[in-house]
Amino acid sequence: MDTNHEPTINLYRRARDLKGIKKILIASGVRYDIAVEDPRYIKELATHHVGGYLKIAPEHTEEGPLSKMMKAGIGQL
């Protein structure tokens, strides 16, 4: 699986540079298991695009859904 977030980071940066754009906030929709593979992405997201809390879906943190999806638990990431 491609975990390169460079295109997304570049998109975020270009969007921030648009005239009239003050803030671009992301509150959900981030795949935790993939995001943690790229520390640069986490830093970009946390520094510029999270206004307070970033929701992590239960299928990325709870043992029941994780085991059914055959994914590692959050503690193993």
PDB file of N, CA and C in Angstrom:
ATOM      1  N   MET A   1       0.844  -1.177   0.000  1.00  0.00           N
ATOM      2  CA  MET A   1       0.000   0.000   0.000  1.00  0.00           C
ATOM      3  C   MET A   1       0.890   1.241   0.000  1.00  0.00           C
ATOM      4  N   ASP A   2       0.566   2.178  -0.845  1.00  0.00           N
ATOM      5  CA  ASP A   2       1.331   3.418  -0.947  1.00  0.00           C
ATOM      6  C   ASP A   2       0.992   4.327   0.233  1.00  0.00           C
ATOM      7  N   THR A   3       1.978   4.611   1.065  1.00  0.00           N
ATOM      8  CA  THR A   3       1.759   5.489   2.220  1.00  0.00           C
ATOM      9  C   THR A   3       2.461   6.827   2.052  1.00  0.00           C
ATOM     10  N   ASN A   4       2.814   7.165   0.827  1.00  0.00           N
ATOM     11  CA  ASN A   4       3.461   8.444   0.548  1.00  0.00           C
ATOM     12  C   ASN A   4       2.412   9.558   0.589  1.00  0.00           C
ATOM     13  N   HIS A   5       2.568  10.475   1.521  1.00  0.00           N
ATOM     14  CA  HIS A   5       1.626  11.579   1.670  1.00  0.00           C
ATOM     15  C   HIS A   5       2.109  12.863   1.001  1.00  0.00           C
ATOM     16  N   GLU A   6       3.207  12.787   0.266  1.00  0.00           N
ATOM     17  CA  GLU A   6       3.769  13.987  -0.363  1.00  0.00           C
ATOM     18  C   GLU A   6       2.746  14.723  -1.237  1.00  0.00           C
ATOM     19  N   PRO A   7       1.972  14.032  -2.092  1.00  0.00           N
ATOM     20  CA  PRO A   7       0.978  14.750  -2.900  1.00  0.00           C
ATOM     21  C   PRO A   7      -0.070  15.465  -2.042  1.00  0.00           C
ATOM     22  N   THR A   8      -0.484  14.837  -0.952  1.00  0.00           N
ATOM     23  CA  THR A   8      -1.474  15.454  -0.069  1.00  0.00           C
ATOM     24  C   THR A   8      -0.884  16.654   0.654  1.00  0.00           C
ATOM     25  N   ILE A   9       0.340  16.519   1.133  1.00  0.00           N
ATOM     26  CA  ILE A   9       1.017  17.635   1.796  1.00  0.00           C
ATOM     27  C   ILE A   9       1.137  18.810   0.831  1.00  0.00           C
ATOM     28  N   ASN A  10       1.534  18.538  -0.398  1.00  0.00           N
ATOM     29  CA  ASN A  10       1.654  19.607  -1.400  1.00  0.00           C
ATOM     30  C   ASN A  10       0.308  20.257  -1.687  1.00  0.00           C
ATOM     31  N   LEU A  11      -0.749  19.462  -1.756  1.00  0.00           N
ATOM     32  CA  LEU A  11      -2.089  20.007  -1.974  1.00  0.00           C
ATOM     33  C   LEU A  11      -2.486  20.931  -0.829  1.00  0.00           C
ATOM     34  N   TYR A  12      -2.263  20.493   0.407  1.00  0.00           N
ATOM     35  CA  TYR A  12      -2.574  21.329   1.570  1.00  0.00           C
ATOM     36  C   TYR A  12      -1.819  22.653   1.504  1.00  0.00           C
ATOM     37  N   ARG A  13      -0.551  22.596   1.148  1.00  0.00           N
ATOM     38  CA  ARG A  13       0.269  23.813   1.095  1.00  0.00           C
ATOM     39  C   ARG A  13      -0.203  24.755  -0.007  1.00  0.00           C
ATOM     40  N   ARG A  14      -0.528  24.201  -1.176  1.00  0.00           N
ATOM     41  CA  ARG A  14      -1.034  25.043  -2.274  1.00  0.00           C
ATOM     42  C   ARG A  14      -2.365  25.677  -1.892  1.00  0.00           C
ATOM     43  N   ALA A  15      -3.219  24.921  -1.228  1.00  0.00           N
ATOM     44  CA  ALA A  15      -4.518  25.449  -0.808  1.00  0.00           C
ATOM     45  C   ALA A  15      -4.344  26.574   0.204  1.00  0.00           C
ATOM     46  N   ARG A  16      -3.399  26.424   1.129  1.00  0.00           N
ATOM     47  CA  ARG A  16      -3.147  27.488   2.118  1.00  0.00           C
ATOM     48  C   ARG A  16      -2.642  28.757   1.466  1.00  0.00           C
ATOM     49  N   ASP A  17      -1.960  28.624   0.329  1.00  0.00           N
ATOM     50  CA  ASP A  17      -1.396  29.787  -0.356  1.00  0.00           C
ATOM     51  C   ASP A  17      -2.408  30.531  -1.220  1.00  0.00           C
ATOM     52  N   LEU A  18      -3.607  29.984  -1.391  1.00  0.00           N
ATOM     53  CA  LEU A  18      -4.611  30.654  -2.214  1.00  0.00           C
ATOM     54  C   LEU A  18      -5.073  31.949  -1.555  1.00  0.00           C
ATOM     55  N   LYS A  19      -5.215  32.968  -2.360  1.00  0.00           N
ATOM     56  CA  LYS A  19      -5.684  34.260  -1.857  1.00  0.00           C
ATOM     57  C   LYS A  19      -7.095  34.095  -1.284  1.00  0.00           C
ATOM     58  N   GLY A  20      -7.303  34.657  -0.113  1.00  0.00           N
ATOM     59  CA  GLY A  20      -8.604  34.614   0.540  1.00  0.00           C
ATOM     60  C   GLY A  20      -8.815  33.419   1.459  1.00  0.00           C
ATOM     61  N   ILE A  21      -7.897  32.462   1.433  1.00  0.00           N
ATOM     62  CA  ILE A  21      -8.018  31.292   2.310  1.00  0.00           C
ATOM     63  C   ILE A  21      -7.315  31.601   3.623  1.00  0.00           C
ATOM     64  N   LYS A  22      -8.078  31.573   4.705  1.00  0.00           N
ATOM     65  CA  LYS A  22      -7.492  31.846   6.012  1.00  0.00           C
ATOM     66  C   LYS A  22      -7.073  30.560   6.716  1.00  0.00           C
ATOM     67  N   LYS A  23      -7.904  29.544   6.635  1.00  0.00           N
ATOM     68  CA  LYS A  23      -7.630  28.310   7.372  1.00  0.00           C
ATOM     69  C   LYS A  23      -8.337  27.146   6.690  1.00  0.00           C
ATOM     70  N   ILE A  24      -7.676  26.019   6.620  1.00  0.00           N
ATOM     71  CA  ILE A  24      -8.267  24.781   6.122  1.00  0.00           C
ATOM     72  C   ILE A  24      -8.168  23.775   7.256  1.00  0.00           C
ATOM     73  N   LEU A  25      -9.321  23.404   7.793  1.00  0.00           N
ATOM     74  CA  LEU A  25      -9.335  22.506   8.943  1.00  0.00           C
ATOM     75  C   LEU A  25      -9.851  21.128   8.559  1.00  0.00           C
ATOM     76  N   ILE A  26      -9.229  20.121   9.122  1.00  0.00           N
ATOM     77  CA  ILE A  26      -9.615  18.735   8.898  1.00  0.00           C
ATOM     78  C   ILE A  26      -9.943  18.151  10.265  1.00  0.00           C
ATOM     79  N   ALA A  27     -11.158  17.612  10.399  1.00  0.00           N
ATOM     80  CA  ALA A  27     -11.587  17.083  11.688  1.00  0.00           C
ATOM     81  C   ALA A  27     -11.760  15.572  11.678  1.00  0.00           C
ATOM     82  N   SER A  28     -11.842  14.982  10.495  1.00  0.00           N
ATOM     83  CA  SER A  28     -12.030  13.530  10.417  1.00  0.00           C
ATOM     84  C   SER A  28     -11.646  13.047   9.024  1.00  0.00           C
ATOM     85  N   GLY A  29     -11.750  11.745   8.826  1.00  0.00           N
ATOM     86  CA  GLY A  29     -11.468  11.184   7.513  1.00  0.00           C
ATOM     87  C   GLY A  29     -10.022  10.800   7.286  1.00  0.00           C
ATOM     88  N   VAL A  30      -9.212  10.853   8.328  1.00  0.00           N
ATOM     89  CA  VAL A  30      -7.795  10.500   8.202  1.00  0.00           C
ATOM     90  C   VAL A  30      -7.624   9.037   8.600  1.00  0.00           C
ATOM     91  N   ARG A  31      -6.999   8.249   7.759  1.00  0.00           N
ATOM     92  CA  ARG A  31      -6.708   6.853   8.074  1.00  0.00           C
ATOM     93  C   ARG A  31      -5.508   6.825   9.011  1.00  0.00           C
ATOM     94  N   TYR A  32      -5.776   6.620  10.291  1.00  0.00           N
ATOM     95  CA  TYR A  32      -4.731   6.638  11.313  1.00  0.00           C
ATOM     96  C   TYR A  32      -3.619   5.650  10.995  1.00  0.00           C
ATOM     97  N   ASP A  33      -4.003   4.432  10.600  1.00  0.00           N
ATOM     98  CA  ASP A  33      -3.008   3.389  10.371  1.00  0.00           C
ATOM     99  C   ASP A  33      -2.058   3.743   9.234  1.00  0.00           C
ATOM    100  N   ILE A  34      -2.521   4.528   8.274  1.00  0.00           N
ATOM    101  CA  ILE A  34      -1.661   4.950   7.166  1.00  0.00           C
ATOM    102  C   ILE A  34      -0.941   6.257   7.511  1.00  0.00           C
ATOM    103  N   ALA A  35      -1.633   7.163   8.178  1.00  0.00           N
ATOM    104  CA  ALA A  35      -1.050   8.473   8.505  1.00  0.00           C
ATOM    105  C   ALA A  35       0.206   8.351   9.357  1.00  0.00           C
ATOM    106  N   VAL A  36       0.201   7.425  10.312  1.00  0.00           N
ATOM    107  CA  VAL A  36       1.357   7.304  11.205  1.00  0.00           C
ATOM    108  C   VAL A  36       2.598   6.777  10.493  1.00  0.00           C
ATOM    109  N   GLU A  37       2.442   6.289   9.273  1.00  0.00           N
ATOM    110  CA  GLU A  37       3.595   5.825   8.496  1.00  0.00           C
ATOM    111  C   GLU A  37       4.429   6.985   7.960  1.00  0.00           C
ATOM    112  N   ASP A  38       3.878   8.198   7.977  1.00  0.00           N
ATOM    113  CA  ASP A  38       4.575   9.362   7.425  1.00  0.00           C
ATOM    114  C   ASP A  38       4.560  10.508   8.444  1.00  0.00           C
ATOM    115  N   PRO A  39       5.594  10.603   9.287  1.00  0.00           N
ATOM    116  CA  PRO A  39       5.642  11.647  10.317  1.00  0.00           C
ATOM    117  C   PRO A  39       5.519  13.063   9.748  1.00  0.00           C
ATOM    118  N   ARG A  40       5.995  13.277   8.523  1.00  0.00           N
ATOM    119  CA  ARG A  40       5.871  14.608   7.908  1.00  0.00           C
ATOM    120  C   ARG A  40       4.406  14.978   7.718  1.00  0.00           C
ATOM    121  N   TYR A  41       3.581  13.987   7.359  1.00  0.00           N
ATOM    122  CA  TYR A  41       2.153  14.229   7.169  1.00  0.00           C
ATOM    123  C   TYR A  41       1.489  14.579   8.499  1.00  0.00           C
ATOM    124  N   ILE A  42       1.808  13.817   9.536  1.00  0.00           N
ATOM    125  CA  ILE A  42       1.242  14.086  10.859  1.00  0.00           C
ATOM    126  C   ILE A  42       1.618  15.491  11.315  1.00  0.00           C
ATOM    127  N   LYS A  43       2.874  15.876  11.112  1.00  0.00           N
ATOM    128  CA  LYS A  43       3.321  17.214  11.513  1.00  0.00           C
ATOM    129  C   LYS A  43       2.576  18.294  10.729  1.00  0.00           C
ATOM    130  N   GLU A  44       2.448  18.127   9.422  1.00  0.00           N
ATOM    131  CA  GLU A  44       1.728  19.093   8.577  1.00  0.00           C
ATOM    132  C   GLU A  44       0.274  19.213   9.023  1.00  0.00           C
ATOM    133  N   LEU A  45      -0.350  18.080   9.250  1.00  0.00           N
ATOM    134  CA  LEU A  45      -1.747  18.051   9.657  1.00  0.00           C
ATOM    135  C   LEU A  45      -1.936  18.735  11.011  1.00  0.00           C
ATOM    136  N   ALA A  46      -1.139  18.338  11.995  1.00  0.00           N
ATOM    137  CA  ALA A  46      -1.279  18.881  13.347  1.00  0.00           C
ATOM    138  C   ALA A  46      -0.913  20.358  13.416  1.00  0.00           C
ATOM    139  N   THR A  47       0.082  20.771  12.660  1.00  0.00           N
ATOM    140  CA  THR A  47       0.545  22.159  12.707  1.00  0.00           C
ATOM    141  C   THR A  47      -0.415  23.126  12.027  1.00  0.00           C
ATOM    142  N   HIS A  48      -0.987  22.714  10.908  1.00  0.00           N
ATOM    143  CA  HIS A  48      -1.751  23.661  10.094  1.00  0.00           C
ATOM    144  C   HIS A  48      -3.227  23.339   9.899  1.00  0.00           C
ATOM    145  N   HIS A  49      -3.663  22.114  10.172  1.00  0.00           N
ATOM    146  CA  HIS A  49      -5.000  21.746   9.719  1.00  0.00           C
ATOM    147  C   HIS A  49      -5.918  21.129  10.762  1.00  0.00           C
ATOM    148  N   VAL A  50      -5.499  21.054  12.007  1.00  0.00           N
ATOM    149  CA  VAL A  50      -6.372  20.543  13.058  1.00  0.00           C
ATOM    150  C   VAL A  50      -6.682  21.696  13.998  1.00  0.00           C
ATOM    151  N   GLY A  51      -7.977  21.992  14.129  1.00  0.00           N
ATOM    152  CA  GLY A  51      -8.395  23.130  14.935  1.00  0.00           C
ATOM    153  C   GLY A  51      -8.590  22.809  16.402  1.00  0.00           C
ATOM    154  N   GLY A  52      -8.517  21.601  16.787  1.00  0.00           N
ATOM    155  CA  GLY A  52      -8.721  21.207  18.174  1.00  0.00           C
ATOM    156  C   GLY A  52      -8.590  19.707  18.310  1.00  0.00           C
ATOM    157  N   TYR A  53      -9.607  19.001  17.855  1.00  0.00           N
ATOM    158  CA  TYR A  53      -9.599  17.542  17.931  1.00  0.00           C
ATOM    159  C   TYR A  53      -9.638  16.937  16.537  1.00  0.00           C
ATOM    160  N   LEU A  54      -8.958  15.826  16.389  1.00  0.00           N
ATOM    161  CA  LEU A  54      -9.013  15.040  15.165  1.00  0.00           C
ATOM    162  C   LEU A  54      -9.661  13.712  15.536  1.00  0.00           C
ATOM    163  N   LYS A  55     -10.827  13.459  14.966  1.00  0.00           N
ATOM    164  CA  LYS A  55     -11.557  12.236  15.286  1.00  0.00           C
ATOM    165  C   LYS A  55     -10.886  11.037  14.627  1.00  0.00           C
ATOM    166  N   ILE A  56     -10.777   9.974  15.396  1.00  0.00           N
ATOM    167  CA  ILE A  56     -10.270   8.712  14.866  1.00  0.00           C
ATOM    168  C   ILE A  56     -11.428   7.726  14.908  1.00  0.00           C
ATOM    169  N   ALA A  57     -11.786   7.187  13.768  1.00  0.00           N
ATOM    170  CA  ALA A  57     -12.916   6.268  13.675  1.00  0.00           C
ATOM    171  C   ALA A  57     -12.667   5.017  14.510  1.00  0.00           C
ATOM    172  N   PRO A  58     -13.735   4.446  15.082  1.00  0.00           N
ATOM    173  CA  PRO A  58     -13.563   3.270  15.938  1.00  0.00           C
ATOM    174  C   PRO A  58     -12.929   2.090  15.221  1.00  0.00           C
ATOM    175  N   GLU A  59     -13.111   2.008  13.911  1.00  0.00           N
ATOM    176  CA  GLU A  59     -12.492   0.886  13.203  1.00  0.00           C
ATOM    177  C   GLU A  59     -10.980   0.997  13.169  1.00  0.00           C
ATOM    178  N   HIS A  60     -10.437   2.119  13.664  1.00  0.00           N
ATOM    179  CA  HIS A  60      -8.990   2.270  13.742  1.00  0.00           C
ATOM    180  C   HIS A  60      -8.471   2.151  15.177  1.00  0.00           C
ATOM    181  N   THR A  61      -9.390   2.023  16.161  1.00  0.00           N
ATOM    182  CA  THR A  61      -8.945   1.999  17.556  1.00  0.00           C
ATOM    183  C   THR A  61      -9.530   0.867  18.392  1.00  0.00           C
ATOM    184  N   GLU A  62     -10.677   0.349  18.029  1.00  0.00           N
ATOM    185  CA  GLU A  62     -11.370  -0.636  18.861  1.00  0.00           C
ATOM    186  C   GLU A  62     -11.051  -2.062  18.421  1.00  0.00           C
ATOM    187  N   GLU A  63     -10.755  -2.913  19.399  1.00  0.00           N
ATOM    188  CA  GLU A  63     -10.329  -4.286  19.113  1.00  0.00           C
ATOM    189  C   GLU A  63     -11.353  -5.088  18.314  1.00  0.00           C
ATOM    190  N   GLY A  64     -12.646  -4.938  18.624  1.00  0.00           N
ATOM    191  CA  GLY A  64     -13.671  -5.716  17.922  1.00  0.00           C
ATOM    192  C   GLY A  64     -13.633  -5.503  16.412  1.00  0.00           C
ATOM    193  N   PRO A  65     -13.838  -4.247  15.962  1.00  0.00           N
ATOM    194  CA  PRO A  65     -13.777  -3.999  14.516  1.00  0.00           C
ATOM    195  C   PRO A  65     -12.406  -4.309  13.920  1.00  0.00           C
ATOM    196  N   LEU A  66     -11.342  -3.997  14.658  1.00  0.00           N
ATOM    197  CA  LEU A  66      -9.996  -4.250  14.138  1.00  0.00           C
ATOM    198  C   LEU A  66      -9.760  -5.737  13.889  1.00  0.00           C
ATOM    199  N   SER A  67     -10.203  -6.573  14.816  1.00  0.00           N
ATOM    200  CA  SER A  67      -9.980  -8.008  14.636  1.00  0.00           C
ATOM    201  C   SER A  67     -10.790  -8.548  13.461  1.00  0.00           C
ATOM    202  N   LYS A  68     -11.999  -8.045  13.282  1.00  0.00           N
ATOM    203  CA  LYS A  68     -12.819  -8.489  12.144  1.00  0.00           C
ATOM    204  C   LYS A  68     -12.214  -8.037  10.813  1.00  0.00           C
ATOM    205  N   MET A  69     -11.511  -6.897  10.842  1.00  0.00           N
ATOM    206  CA  MET A  69     -10.872  -6.381   9.627  1.00  0.00           C
ATOM    207  C   MET A  69      -9.444  -6.913   9.482  1.00  0.00           C
ATOM    208  N   MET A  70      -9.008  -7.727  10.479  1.00  0.00           N
ATOM    209  CA  MET A  70      -7.655  -8.300  10.506  1.00  0.00           C
ATOM    210  C   MET A  70      -6.575  -7.219  10.465  1.00  0.00           C
ATOM    211  N   LYS A  71      -6.784  -6.172  11.275  1.00  0.00           N
ATOM    212  CA  LYS A  71      -5.808  -5.085  11.375  1.00  0.00           C
ATOM    213  C   LYS A  71      -5.183  -5.092  12.764  1.00  0.00           C
ATOM    214  N   ALA A  72      -3.995  -4.538  12.851  1.00  0.00           N
ATOM    215  CA  ALA A  72      -3.306  -4.413  14.142  1.00  0.00           C
ATOM    216  C   ALA A  72      -4.004  -3.365  14.999  1.00  0.00           C
ATOM    217  N   GLY A  73      -3.909  -3.529  16.310  1.00  0.00           N
ATOM    218  CA  GLY A  73      -4.482  -2.553  17.230  1.00  0.00           C
ATOM    219  C   GLY A  73      -3.682  -1.266  17.242  1.00  0.00           C
ATOM    220  N   ILE A  74      -4.288  -0.214  17.765  1.00  0.00           N
ATOM    221  CA  ILE A  74      -3.652   1.108  17.773  1.00  0.00           C
ATOM    222  C   ILE A  74      -2.350   1.087  18.571  1.00  0.00           C
ATOM    223  N   GLY A  75      -2.275   0.253  19.601  1.00  0.00           N
ATOM    224  CA  GLY A  75      -1.058   0.164  20.403  1.00  0.00           C
ATOM    225  C   GLY A  75       0.121  -0.439  19.659  1.00  0.00           C
ATOM    226  N   GLN A  76      -0.150  -1.153  18.598  1.00  0.00           N
ATOM    227  CA  GLN A  76       0.914  -1.780  17.823  1.00  0.00           C
ATOM    228  C   GLN A  76       1.454  -0.860  16.745  1.00  0.00           C
ATOM    229  N   LEU A  77       0.831   0.280  16.547  1.00  0.00           N
ATOM    230  CA  LEU A  77       1.272   1.200  15.497  1.00  0.00           C
ATOM    231  C   LEU A  77       2.315   2.094  16.004  1.00  0.00           C
TER     232      LEU A  77
END
